[in-house]
Protein backbone atom coordinates (compact mmCIF):
# COMPACT_ATOMS: atom_id res chain seq x y z
CA MET A 1 1.93 100.65 20.38
CA SER A 2 2.76 97.12 21.26
CA SER A 3 2.15 97.82 24.91
CA THR A 4 -1.19 99.45 24.09
CA PHE A 5 -2.22 96.35 22.09
CA LEU A 6 -1.16 94.00 24.88
CA ASN A 7 -3.04 96.13 27.39
CA GLN A 8 -6.13 95.93 25.22
CA ILE A 9 -6.06 92.12 25.18
CA GLY A 10 -5.24 91.87 28.87
CA LEU A 11 -1.55 90.94 28.54
CA GLY A 12 -0.04 94.27 29.51
CA GLU A 13 2.14 92.65 32.13
CA PHE A 14 3.31 89.83 29.80
CA ASP A 15 7.05 89.72 28.98
CA MET A 16 7.63 89.97 25.22
CA GLY A 17 10.78 87.94 25.56
CA TYR A 18 8.89 84.80 26.51
CA LEU A 19 6.56 85.23 23.56
CA LEU A 20 9.45 85.55 21.15
CA ILE A 21 11.15 82.47 22.65
CA GLY A 22 7.92 80.43 22.29
CA MET A 23 7.41 81.53 18.73
CA GLY A 24 11.01 80.69 17.90
CA ALA A 25 10.61 77.21 19.42
CA VAL A 26 7.47 76.54 17.37
CA ILE A 27 9.20 77.69 14.19
CA LEU A 28 12.21 75.49 15.00
CA LEU A 29 9.95 72.45 15.51
CA LEU A 30 8.20 73.15 12.24
CA ILE A 31 11.54 73.34 10.45
CA ILE A 32 12.70 70.02 12.02
CA PHE A 33 9.42 68.35 11.11
CA LEU A 34 9.70 69.65 7.54
CA ILE A 35 13.27 68.34 7.25
CA LEU A 36 12.23 64.91 8.57
CA LEU A 37 9.31 64.84 6.17
CA ILE A 38 11.56 65.66 3.22
CA VAL A 39 14.05 62.94 4.27
CA GLN A 40 11.27 60.37 4.60
CA ILE A 41 9.83 61.30 1.21
CA ARG A 42 13.28 60.88 -0.39
CA LYS A 43 13.75 57.47 1.28
CA THR A 44 10.33 56.31 0.16
CA SER A 45 11.03 57.53 -3.36
CA LYS A 46 14.34 55.63 -3.48
CA LEU A 47 12.71 52.43 -2.17
CA LYS A 48 9.93 52.72 -4.74
CA LYS A 49 12.47 53.15 -7.55
CA ARG A 50 14.43 50.09 -6.33
CA LEU A 51 11.22 48.04 -6.09
CA ASP A 52 10.10 49.08 -9.58
CA LYS A 53 13.52 48.21 -10.95
CA PHE A 54 13.48 44.83 -9.18
CA LEU A 55 9.98 43.90 -10.38
CA SER A 56 10.72 44.96 -13.96
CA GLY A 57 13.96 42.97 -14.18
CA LYS A 58 15.06 39.34 -14.19
CA ASP A 59 14.80 39.03 -10.41
CA GLY A 60 11.18 40.14 -10.51
CA ALA A 61 10.35 37.51 -13.14
CA SER A 62 12.10 34.86 -11.06
CA LEU A 63 10.16 35.94 -7.98
CA GLU A 64 6.89 35.72 -9.86
CA LYS A 65 7.88 32.30 -11.17
CA ASP A 66 8.83 31.13 -7.68
CA ILE A 67 5.53 32.33 -6.24
CA ALA A 68 3.65 30.53 -9.03
CA GLY A 69 5.73 27.40 -8.35
CA LEU A 70 4.91 27.51 -4.64
CA TYR A 71 1.23 27.82 -5.50
CA GLU A 72 1.41 24.77 -7.78
CA ASP A 73 3.33 22.82 -5.13
CA ASN A 74 0.64 23.67 -2.60
CA LYS A 75 -2.06 22.42 -4.97
CA PHE A 76 -0.06 19.21 -5.56
CA LEU A 77 0.42 18.61 -1.84
CA LYS A 78 -3.24 19.23 -1.13
CA ALA A 79 -4.34 16.81 -3.86
CA ASN A 80 -1.92 14.13 -2.67
CA THR A 81 -2.97 14.62 0.95
CA GLU A 82 -6.56 13.94 -0.03
CA LYS A 83 -5.48 10.89 -2.02
CA ASN A 84 -3.44 9.59 0.91
CA LYS A 85 -6.39 10.03 3.25
CA LYS A 86 -8.57 8.09 0.81
CA ASP A 87 -5.94 5.34 0.48
CA ILE A 88 -5.65 5.08 4.27
CA ARG A 89 -9.43 4.77 4.61
CA THR A 90 -9.42 2.06 1.95
CA LEU A 91 -6.55 0.28 3.69
CA TYR A 92 -8.37 0.29 7.03
CA LYS A 93 -11.50 -1.00 5.31
CA ASN A 94 -9.55 -3.81 3.65
CA MET A 95 -7.84 -4.69 6.93
CA GLU A 96 -11.24 -5.20 8.55
CA SER A 97 -11.95 -8.05 6.12
CA ALA A 98 -8.37 -9.28 5.74
CA TYR A 99 -7.00 -12.34 7.48
CA GLN A 100 -5.08 -11.00 10.46
CA LYS A 101 -4.67 -14.16 12.50
CA MET A 102 -2.90 -17.34 11.49
CA GLY A 103 -2.51 -20.67 13.23
CA LEU A 104 -0.50 -23.64 12.01
CA VAL A 105 -0.46 -27.11 13.57
CA LYS A 106 1.75 -29.85 12.13
CA TYR A 107 1.12 -33.51 12.85
CA ASP A 108 1.90 -37.03 11.65
CA ALA A 109 -1.34 -38.41 10.20
CA PHE A 110 -0.05 -41.95 9.61
CA ASN A 111 2.43 -42.54 12.47
CA GLN A 112 5.24 -42.88 9.96
CA MET A 113 8.92 -42.10 10.14
CA GLY A 114 8.38 -39.30 7.65
CA GLY A 115 7.67 -36.90 10.48
CA GLN A 116 5.02 -34.24 10.88
CA LEU A 117 4.19 -33.72 7.22
CA SER A 118 0.47 -33.11 7.66
CA PHE A 119 -0.84 -29.77 8.89
CA SER A 120 -3.87 -27.66 9.68
CA LEU A 121 -3.73 -23.97 8.73
CA ALA A 122 -6.26 -21.45 10.05
CA LEU A 123 -6.59 -17.93 8.60
CA LEU A 124 -9.01 -15.61 10.44
CA ASP A 125 -10.02 -11.95 10.36
CA GLU A 126 -10.44 -9.74 13.45
CA ASN A 127 -13.92 -11.23 14.02
CA ASN A 128 -12.52 -14.79 13.83
CA ASN A 129 -14.19 -15.42 10.48
CA GLY A 130 -12.12 -17.26 7.88
CA PHE A 131 -11.24 -20.78 6.93
CA ILE A 132 -9.15 -23.80 7.88
CA ILE A 133 -7.07 -25.87 5.46
CA ASN A 134 -6.29 -29.39 6.60
CA SER A 135 -3.60 -31.16 4.56
CA VAL A 136 -2.93 -34.87 5.13
CA HIS A 137 0.47 -35.77 3.72
CA SER A 138 2.33 -39.05 3.76
CA SER A 139 6.06 -39.65 3.79
CA GLU A 140 5.79 -40.86 0.21
CA GLY A 141 4.60 -37.49 -1.03
CA CYS A 142 1.32 -37.58 -2.95
CA TYR A 143 -1.55 -39.89 -2.12
CA SER A 144 -0.45 -43.57 -2.16
CA TYR A 145 -3.07 -45.39 -0.11
CA THR A 146 -6.09 -47.54 -0.97
CA LYS A 147 -9.30 -46.45 -2.63
CA GLU A 148 -11.15 -47.31 0.59
CA ALA A 149 -9.00 -44.86 2.54
CA ALA A 150 -9.58 -42.27 -0.18
CA LYS A 151 -13.34 -42.63 0.28
CA GLU A 152 -12.94 -41.81 3.97
CA PHE A 153 -10.98 -38.68 3.12
CA LEU A 154 -13.58 -37.61 0.53
CA ASP A 155 -16.33 -38.00 3.13
CA MET A 156 -14.39 -35.61 5.38
CA GLY A 157 -14.24 -33.02 2.58
CA PHE A 158 -10.65 -33.56 1.42
CA PHE A 159 -9.35 -33.32 -2.14
CA ILE A 160 -6.97 -36.06 -3.32
CA GLY A 161 -3.58 -34.86 -4.58
CA VAL A 162 -2.18 -36.97 -7.44
CA GLY A 163 1.41 -36.66 -8.58
CA GLY A 164 3.94 -38.44 -10.75
CA VAL A 165 3.57 -41.77 -8.91
CA VAL A 166 0.37 -42.45 -10.88
CA THR A 167 2.50 -42.93 -14.03
CA PHE A 168 4.67 -45.65 -12.43
CA LYS A 169 4.13 -49.26 -13.50
CA ASN A 170 3.84 -50.41 -9.88
CA ALA A 171 1.30 -47.72 -8.86
CA ARG A 172 -1.66 -50.14 -8.79
CA LYS A 173 -3.24 -48.77 -5.61
CA LEU A 174 -3.08 -45.16 -6.81
CA VAL A 175 -4.49 -46.06 -10.24
CA GLU A 176 -7.40 -47.84 -8.55
CA THR A 177 -7.93 -44.80 -6.36
CA VAL A 178 -8.00 -42.45 -9.37
CA GLU A 179 -10.55 -44.74 -11.01
CA GLU A 180 -12.85 -44.37 -8.00
CA VAL A 181 -12.32 -40.71 -7.06
CA PRO A 182 -14.36 -38.18 -9.09
CA VAL A 183 -12.12 -35.91 -11.13
CA THR A 184 -13.89 -32.99 -9.45
CA ARG A 185 -12.14 -34.00 -6.20
CA ILE A 186 -8.63 -34.39 -7.63
CA VAL A 187 -5.83 -31.79 -7.64
CA LEU A 188 -2.52 -32.21 -9.46
CA GLU A 189 0.83 -31.90 -7.68
CA THR A 190 4.50 -32.25 -8.56
CA ASP A 191 6.21 -33.23 -5.27
CA CYS A 192 9.15 -31.20 -6.61
CA PRO A 193 12.00 -32.07 -6.65
CA TYR A 194 11.01 -35.74 -6.18
CA MET A 195 8.68 -38.26 -7.83
CA ALA A 196 9.22 -37.16 -11.43
CA PRO A 197 6.65 -38.93 -13.65
CA GLU A 198 7.40 -41.24 -16.53
CA PRO A 199 9.17 -40.71 -18.91
CA HIS A 200 11.44 -38.62 -16.63
CA ARG A 201 11.43 -40.85 -13.58
CA GLY A 202 14.66 -40.57 -11.59
CA THR A 203 15.38 -36.97 -12.65
CA ARG A 204 14.75 -33.75 -10.77
CA ASN A 205 11.03 -33.01 -10.86
CA ASP A 206 9.37 -29.64 -11.48
CA SER A 207 6.05 -28.23 -12.65
CA ARG A 208 6.88 -28.73 -16.34
CA ASN A 209 6.16 -32.44 -15.81
CA ILE A 210 2.63 -31.91 -14.51
CA ARG A 211 1.20 -32.56 -17.99
CA TYR A 212 2.28 -36.21 -17.80
CA VAL A 213 0.22 -36.61 -14.64
CA ALA A 214 -2.79 -35.01 -16.37
CA GLU A 215 -2.36 -37.29 -19.38
CA LYS A 216 -2.28 -40.42 -17.20
CA ILE A 217 -5.40 -39.37 -15.27
CA ALA A 218 -7.12 -38.61 -18.60
CA GLN A 219 -6.23 -42.11 -19.81
CA ILE A 220 -7.67 -43.67 -16.65
CA LYS A 221 -10.84 -41.55 -16.74
CA GLY A 222 -11.41 -41.80 -20.51
CA ILE A 223 -11.38 -38.02 -21.05
CA THR A 224 -8.92 -35.57 -22.60
CA ALA A 225 -5.85 -34.24 -20.83
CA GLN A 226 -7.15 -30.68 -21.32
CA GLU A 227 -10.38 -31.59 -19.55
CA VAL A 228 -8.34 -32.92 -16.62
CA ILE A 229 -6.28 -29.70 -16.53
CA ASP A 230 -9.36 -27.47 -16.66
CA ILE A 231 -11.27 -29.38 -13.99
CA THR A 232 -8.32 -29.73 -11.60
CA ASN A 233 -7.55 -26.01 -12.00
CA GLU A 234 -11.09 -25.22 -10.87
CA ASN A 235 -10.65 -27.67 -7.99
CA ALA A 236 -7.50 -25.85 -6.85
CA LYS A 237 -9.34 -22.52 -6.95
CA LYS A 238 -12.14 -23.93 -4.80
CA LEU A 239 -9.62 -25.34 -2.37
CA PHE A 240 -7.40 -22.28 -1.96
CA PHE A 241 -9.57 -19.33 -2.96
């Protein structure tokens, strides 16, 4: 019967042994595939159980917390990066208008043995805009020359620095100068640690004694010591700022 069927489909000469071997091989492959599939399903199931257990336990909570922490850190870094960029832009902008060049020349204005106590200081930005401070200083400290010389300095735009010497009994020239110089062109100085004013003459000088200088100038000018302090403070601001 089998031969008749094979003859009917045109395979009368086909060896049944080969057919059986082929069918057996296919069945064997199907069995191997099924076994591999079952093994893979079991592995996947075990991994899923372990993952579920991990995520539902303390480790899972820690992981979630760590991830949230990393997210917050990233936000913090991003915000600070933007702030740093803004600060750098502001810094560059400020540098454009800041004084980046400085020149200092010292000289002896009066040919004295005191040395090079006078100086010119230049502060310039990158476009060479800025200002120059010229300070004429004698070996005796604060101004101690005649009122005529003071007038020459005022005409050149200088301010006259007055210190403790003005309170000395023998400071006639300086008192005359203070009488002539407008208080709007006077600045107070200490000459620390020297030239302490009366009543502390001969002791170490410091800025606590500046009030005695202001009081003496007020007496000479016929105004209050507070007026002298206020006006000379404004003068210093104009000079240095």
